[in-house]
Amino acid sequence: MTVIVLILATLFFRLLGAMAGLTRFGTWRASAAHGLAVMLVMTASAHFVPADVTFMPNHADMTAMVPPFVPFPGLVVYLTGVLELAGAVGLVLPATRRAAGICLALLFVLMLPANVHAALADVSLAGEPATPLWQRIPEQVLYIGVALWAAGVLGSRPGRTAVASGGPAGAPINR
């Protein structure tokens, strides 16, 4: 579900850039940053949902995902939720996008053991089985890659500038 949200939100933002002329979404990189931010708001919300809510993953489900070696799992779940929300805000602000993308990539790496533990310990999320490892690990790699690409760390060549559609010809833009 999260991959679908990422893809659809990215496509929506890029469409706004192309069809409505919104320069904020004038590149795939900027649109992906905003798409990842939408996905993060969705995933972070589960970190704060009370245990009696069962139609979506909740705080208790997220806490069960935390490997036993991590102290204070409930607090860690709240902390990672706050970090995901902060990362989402950082991604939509061009001035902080690079730092946010790099920090989110690190966060995704640090959260991978929880996803591995959930799959191996058969932890259920909202009554559904955890995502199997064969699917979850490539998803996590995708999120890391999108965060780094949105940050301008991957896929950019030094000294290269892009031209925004609809702007003055040859005008450099920040990614």
C-alpha atoms as a PDB file:
ATOM      1  CA  MET A   1       0.000   0.000   0.000  1.00  0.00           C
ATOM      2  CA  THR A   2       2.777   2.467   0.840  1.00  0.00           C
ATOM      3  CA  VAL A   3       4.473   1.975  -2.532  1.00  0.00           C
ATOM      4  CA  ILE A   4       1.167   2.722  -4.255  1.00  0.00           C
ATOM      5  CA  VAL A   5       0.750   5.913  -2.205  1.00  0.00           C
ATOM      6  CA  LEU A   6       4.305   6.968  -3.102  1.00  0.00           C
ATOM      7  CA  ILE A   7       3.764   6.341  -6.823  1.00  0.00           C
ATOM      8  CA  LEU A   8       0.312   7.921  -7.063  1.00  0.00           C
ATOM      9  CA  ALA A   9       1.278  10.996  -5.035  1.00  0.00           C
ATOM     10  CA  THR A  10       4.433  11.479  -7.123  1.00  0.00           C
ATOM     11  CA  LEU A  11       2.452  11.176 -10.366  1.00  0.00           C
ATOM     12  CA  PHE A  12      -0.178  13.594  -9.054  1.00  0.00           C
ATOM     13  CA  PHE A  13       2.413  16.221  -8.147  1.00  0.00           C
ATOM     14  CA  ARG A  14       4.238  15.834 -11.458  1.00  0.00           C
ATOM     15  CA  LEU A  15       0.933  16.187 -13.288  1.00  0.00           C
ATOM     16  CA  LEU A  16       0.289  19.416 -11.375  1.00  0.00           C
ATOM     17  CA  GLY A  17       3.702  20.620 -12.480  1.00  0.00           C
ATOM     18  CA  ALA A  18       3.190  19.707 -16.119  1.00  0.00           C
ATOM     19  CA  MET A  19      -0.480  20.552 -16.625  1.00  0.00           C
ATOM     20  CA  ALA A  20      -1.096  23.380 -14.162  1.00  0.00           C
ATOM     21  CA  GLY A  21       2.328  24.944 -14.542  1.00  0.00           C
ATOM     22  CA  LEU A  22       3.140  24.764 -10.834  1.00  0.00           C
ATOM     23  CA  THR A  23       6.909  25.211 -10.822  1.00  0.00           C
ATOM     24  CA  ARG A  24       7.112  23.674  -7.332  1.00  0.00           C
ATOM     25  CA  PHE A  25       6.431  20.348  -9.073  1.00  0.00           C
ATOM     26  CA  GLY A  26       8.365  21.197 -12.227  1.00  0.00           C
ATOM     27  CA  THR A  27      10.693  18.196 -11.987  1.00  0.00           C
ATOM     28  CA  TRP A  28      10.327  14.514 -11.229  1.00  0.00           C
ATOM     29  CA  ARG A  29      12.800  14.938  -8.363  1.00  0.00           C
ATOM     30  CA  ALA A  30      10.689  17.613  -6.640  1.00  0.00           C
ATOM     31  CA  SER A  31       7.492  15.654  -7.295  1.00  0.00           C
ATOM     32  CA  ALA A  32       9.068  12.516  -5.801  1.00  0.00           C
ATOM     33  CA  ALA A  33      10.125  14.493  -2.721  1.00  0.00           C
ATOM     34  CA  HIS A  34       6.527  15.591  -2.218  1.00  0.00           C
ATOM     35  CA  GLY A  35       5.213  12.085  -2.982  1.00  0.00           C
ATOM     36  CA  LEU A  36       7.540  10.599  -0.375  1.00  0.00           C
ATOM     37  CA  ALA A  37       6.357  13.261   2.085  1.00  0.00           C
ATOM     38  CA  VAL A  38       2.731  12.193   1.551  1.00  0.00           C
ATOM     39  CA  MET A  39       3.695   8.562   2.097  1.00  0.00           C
ATOM     40  CA  LEU A  40       5.565   9.464   5.286  1.00  0.00           C
ATOM     41  CA  VAL A  41       2.611  11.356   6.733  1.00  0.00           C
ATOM     42  CA  MET A  42       0.493   8.265   6.112  1.00  0.00           C
ATOM     43  CA  THR A  43       3.002   5.831   7.642  1.00  0.00           C
ATOM     44  CA  ALA A  44       3.852   8.128  10.563  1.00  0.00           C
ATOM     45  CA  SER A  45       0.200   8.388  11.523  1.00  0.00           C
ATOM     46  CA  ALA A  46       0.179   4.710  12.522  1.00  0.00           C
ATOM     47  CA  HIS A  47       2.790   5.470  15.193  1.00  0.00           C
ATOM     48  CA  PHE A  48       0.225   7.545  17.112  1.00  0.00           C
ATOM     49  CA  VAL A  49      -3.033   5.611  16.549  1.00  0.00           C
ATOM     50  CA  PRO A  50      -4.546   4.120  19.747  1.00  0.00           C
ATOM     51  CA  ALA A  51      -4.592   0.332  20.126  1.00  0.00           C
ATOM     52  CA  ASP A  52      -8.396   0.129  19.915  1.00  0.00           C
ATOM     53  CA  VAL A  53      -8.321   1.360  16.298  1.00  0.00           C
ATOM     54  CA  THR A  54      -8.205  -1.771  14.162  1.00  0.00           C
ATOM     55  CA  PHE A  55      -8.809  -0.659  10.570  1.00  0.00           C
ATOM     56  CA  MET A  56      -5.178   0.424  10.206  1.00  0.00           C
ATOM     57  CA  PRO A  57      -1.879  -0.358  11.926  1.00  0.00           C
ATOM     58  CA  ASN A  58      -1.737   1.269  15.354  1.00  0.00           C
ATOM     59  CA  HIS A  59       0.819   2.094  18.040  1.00  0.00           C
ATOM     60  CA  ALA A  60       0.544  -1.387  19.585  1.00  0.00           C
ATOM     61  CA  ASP A  61       1.178  -3.016  16.184  1.00  0.00           C
ATOM     62  CA  MET A  62       4.185  -0.774  15.597  1.00  0.00           C
ATOM     63  CA  THR A  63       5.536  -1.505  19.075  1.00  0.00           C
ATOM     64  CA  ALA A  64       5.260  -5.251  18.418  1.00  0.00           C
ATOM     65  CA  MET A  65       7.479  -4.769  15.354  1.00  0.00           C
ATOM     66  CA  VAL A  66      10.379  -3.423  17.424  1.00  0.00           C
ATOM     67  CA  PRO A  67      13.056  -6.085  17.950  1.00  0.00           C
ATOM     68  CA  PRO A  68      13.531  -7.249  21.557  1.00  0.00           C
ATOM     69  CA  PHE A  69      17.055  -5.793  21.777  1.00  0.00           C
ATOM     70  CA  VAL A  70      15.721  -2.222  21.405  1.00  0.00           C
ATOM     71  CA  PRO A  71      14.947  -0.605  24.791  1.00  0.00           C
ATOM     72  CA  PHE A  72      11.733   1.371  25.381  1.00  0.00           C
ATOM     73  CA  PRO A  73       9.937   0.164  22.232  1.00  0.00           C
ATOM     74  CA  GLY A  74       6.848   2.334  22.773  1.00  0.00           C
ATOM     75  CA  LEU A  75       8.978   5.454  23.048  1.00  0.00           C
ATOM     76  CA  VAL A  76      11.009   4.424  19.983  1.00  0.00           C
ATOM     77  CA  VAL A  77       7.786   4.082  17.975  1.00  0.00           C
ATOM     78  CA  TYR A  78       6.730   7.611  18.966  1.00  0.00           C
ATOM     79  CA  LEU A  79      10.210   8.934  18.176  1.00  0.00           C
ATOM     80  CA  THR A  80      10.343   7.337  14.726  1.00  0.00           C
ATOM     81  CA  GLY A  81       6.869   8.710  13.984  1.00  0.00           C
ATOM     82  CA  VAL A  82       8.028  12.215  14.888  1.00  0.00           C
ATOM     83  CA  LEU A  83      11.163  11.749  12.758  1.00  0.00           C
ATOM     84  CA  GLU A  84       9.066  10.597   9.787  1.00  0.00           C
ATOM     85  CA  LEU A  85       6.847  13.690  10.115  1.00  0.00           C
ATOM     86  CA  ALA A  86       9.874  15.978  10.443  1.00  0.00           C
ATOM     87  CA  GLY A  87      11.391  14.323   7.382  1.00  0.00           C
ATOM     88  CA  ALA A  88       8.166  14.890   5.425  1.00  0.00           C
ATOM     89  CA  VAL A  89       8.235  18.585   6.277  1.00  0.00           C
ATOM     90  CA  GLY A  90      11.922  18.753   5.385  1.00  0.00           C
ATOM     91  CA  LEU A  91      11.287  17.182   1.982  1.00  0.00           C
ATOM     92  CA  VAL A  92       8.717  19.775   0.913  1.00  0.00           C
ATOM     93  CA  LEU A  93      10.966  22.703   1.805  1.00  0.00           C
ATOM     94  CA  PRO A  94      13.623  23.155  -0.894  1.00  0.00           C
ATOM     95  CA  ALA A  95      16.086  24.632   1.622  1.00  0.00           C
ATOM     96  CA  THR A  96      15.990  21.500   3.796  1.00  0.00           C
ATOM     97  CA  ARG A  97      15.270  18.837   1.159  1.00  0.00           C
ATOM     98  CA  ARG A  98      18.862  17.599   0.884  1.00  0.00           C
ATOM     99  CA  ALA A  99      19.367  17.180   4.641  1.00  0.00           C
ATOM    100  CA  ALA A 100      15.907  15.650   5.066  1.00  0.00           C
ATOM    101  CA  GLY A 101      16.464  13.122   2.286  1.00  0.00           C
ATOM    102  CA  ILE A 102      19.809  12.019   3.695  1.00  0.00           C
ATOM    103  CA  CYS A 103      18.424  11.761   7.241  1.00  0.00           C
ATOM    104  CA  LEU A 104      15.395   9.814   6.022  1.00  0.00           C
ATOM    105  CA  ALA A 105      17.622   7.381   4.145  1.00  0.00           C
ATOM    106  CA  LEU A 106      19.493   6.759   7.400  1.00  0.00           C
ATOM    107  CA  LEU A 107      16.201   6.387   9.273  1.00  0.00           C
ATOM    108  CA  PHE A 108      14.979   3.833   6.712  1.00  0.00           C
ATOM    109  CA  VAL A 109      18.183   1.844   7.224  1.00  0.00           C
ATOM    110  CA  LEU A 110      17.775   1.989  11.007  1.00  0.00           C
ATOM    111  CA  MET A 111      14.150   0.864  10.786  1.00  0.00           C
ATOM    112  CA  LEU A 112      14.934  -2.166   8.611  1.00  0.00           C
ATOM    113  CA  PRO A 113      15.556  -4.458  11.630  1.00  0.00           C
ATOM    114  CA  ALA A 114      11.993  -3.765  12.815  1.00  0.00           C
ATOM    115  CA  ASN A 115      10.638  -4.858   9.446  1.00  0.00           C
ATOM    116  CA  VAL A 116      12.822  -7.973   9.480  1.00  0.00           C
ATOM    117  CA  HIS A 117      11.714  -8.783  13.030  1.00  0.00           C
ATOM    118  CA  ALA A 118       8.034  -8.271  12.104  1.00  0.00           C
ATOM    119  CA  ALA A 119       8.332 -10.670   9.171  1.00  0.00           C
ATOM    120  CA  LEU A 120      10.287 -13.327  11.069  1.00  0.00           C
ATOM    121  CA  ALA A 121       8.194 -13.096  14.259  1.00  0.00           C
ATOM    122  CA  ASP A 122       4.957 -13.100  12.246  1.00  0.00           C
ATOM    123  CA  VAL A 123       3.770  -9.806  13.742  1.00  0.00           C
ATOM    124  CA  SER A 124       0.370  -8.753  12.436  1.00  0.00           C
ATOM    125  CA  LEU A 125      -0.491  -5.187  11.480  1.00  0.00           C
ATOM    126  CA  ALA A 126      -4.185  -4.315  11.746  1.00  0.00           C
ATOM    127  CA  GLY A 127      -4.889  -8.040  11.734  1.00  0.00           C
ATOM    128  CA  GLU A 128      -2.953  -8.606   8.514  1.00  0.00           C
ATOM    129  CA  PRO A 129       0.368 -10.453   8.367  1.00  0.00           C
ATOM    130  CA  ALA A 130       3.506  -8.351   8.136  1.00  0.00           C
ATOM    131  CA  THR A 131       4.937  -7.789   4.682  1.00  0.00           C
ATOM    132  CA  PRO A 132       7.163 -10.762   3.755  1.00  0.00           C
ATOM    133  CA  LEU A 133      10.907 -10.093   3.584  1.00  0.00           C
ATOM    134  CA  TRP A 134      11.133 -10.802  -0.151  1.00  0.00           C
ATOM    135  CA  GLN A 135       8.843  -7.805  -0.640  1.00  0.00           C
ATOM    136  CA  ARG A 136       9.791  -5.586   2.308  1.00  0.00           C
ATOM    137  CA  ILE A 137      13.538  -5.395   1.727  1.00  0.00           C
ATOM    138  CA  PRO A 138      13.206  -4.194  -1.905  1.00  0.00           C
ATOM    139  CA  GLU A 139      10.557  -1.698  -0.738  1.00  0.00           C
ATOM    140  CA  GLN A 140      12.937  -0.362   1.895  1.00  0.00           C
ATOM    141  CA  VAL A 141      15.700  -0.081  -0.713  1.00  0.00           C
ATOM    142  CA  LEU A 142      13.245   1.834  -2.935  1.00  0.00           C
ATOM    143  CA  TYR A 143      12.434   4.281  -0.110  1.00  0.00           C
ATOM    144  CA  ILE A 144      16.133   4.800   0.596  1.00  0.00           C
ATOM    145  CA  GLY A 145      16.787   5.392  -3.108  1.00  0.00           C
ATOM    146  CA  VAL A 146      13.888   7.841  -3.511  1.00  0.00           C
ATOM    147  CA  ALA A 147      14.973   9.763  -0.399  1.00  0.00           C
ATOM    148  CA  LEU A 148      18.543  10.058  -1.690  1.00  0.00           C
ATOM    149  CA  TRP A 149      17.403  10.919  -5.221  1.00  0.00           C
ATOM    150  CA  ALA A 150      14.978  13.569  -3.928  1.00  0.00           C
ATOM    151  CA  ALA A 151      17.869  14.948  -1.862  1.00  0.00           C
ATOM    152  CA  GLY A 152      19.979  15.250  -4.999  1.00  0.00           C
ATOM    153  CA  VAL A 153      22.521  12.707  -3.770  1.00  0.00           C
ATOM    154  CA  LEU A 154      21.712  10.081  -6.415  1.00  0.00           C
ATOM    155  CA  GLY A 155      21.327  10.660 -10.113  1.00  0.00           C
ATOM    156  CA  SER A 156      22.779  14.131 -10.394  1.00  0.00           C
ATOM    157  CA  ARG A 157      25.990  15.176 -12.043  1.00  0.00           C
ATOM    158  CA  PRO A 158      28.159  17.914 -10.530  1.00  0.00           C
ATOM    159  CA  GLY A 159      27.742  21.347 -12.110  1.00  0.00           C
ATOM    160  CA  ARG A 160      24.516  20.431 -13.890  1.00  0.00           C
ATOM    161  CA  THR A 161      21.452  22.663 -13.679  1.00  0.00           C
ATOM    162  CA  ALA A 162      17.947  22.051 -14.900  1.00  0.00           C
ATOM    163  CA  VAL A 163      15.599  24.449 -16.609  1.00  0.00           C
ATOM    164  CA  ALA A 164      12.089  24.749 -15.247  1.00  0.00           C
ATOM    165  CA  SER A 165       9.339  24.510 -17.823  1.00  0.00           C
ATOM    166  CA  GLY A 166       7.591  27.812 -18.214  1.00  0.00           C
ATOM    167  CA  GLY A 167      10.519  29.818 -16.815  1.00  0.00           C
ATOM    168  CA  PRO A 168      13.025  31.984 -18.634  1.00  0.00           C
ATOM    169  CA  ALA A 169      15.108  29.962 -21.081  1.00  0.00           C
ATOM    170  CA  GLY A 170      18.371  28.887 -19.542  1.00  0.00           C
ATOM    171  CA  ALA A 171      17.455  29.951 -16.015  1.00  0.00           C
ATOM    172  CA  PRO A 172      18.992  27.518 -13.510  1.00  0.00           C
ATOM    173  CA  ILE A 173      16.760  26.126 -10.805  1.00  0.00           C
ATOM    174  CA  ASN A 174      17.525  24.457  -7.489  1.00  0.00           C
ATOM    175  CA  ARG A 175      16.585  20.844  -7.179  1.00  0.00           C
END
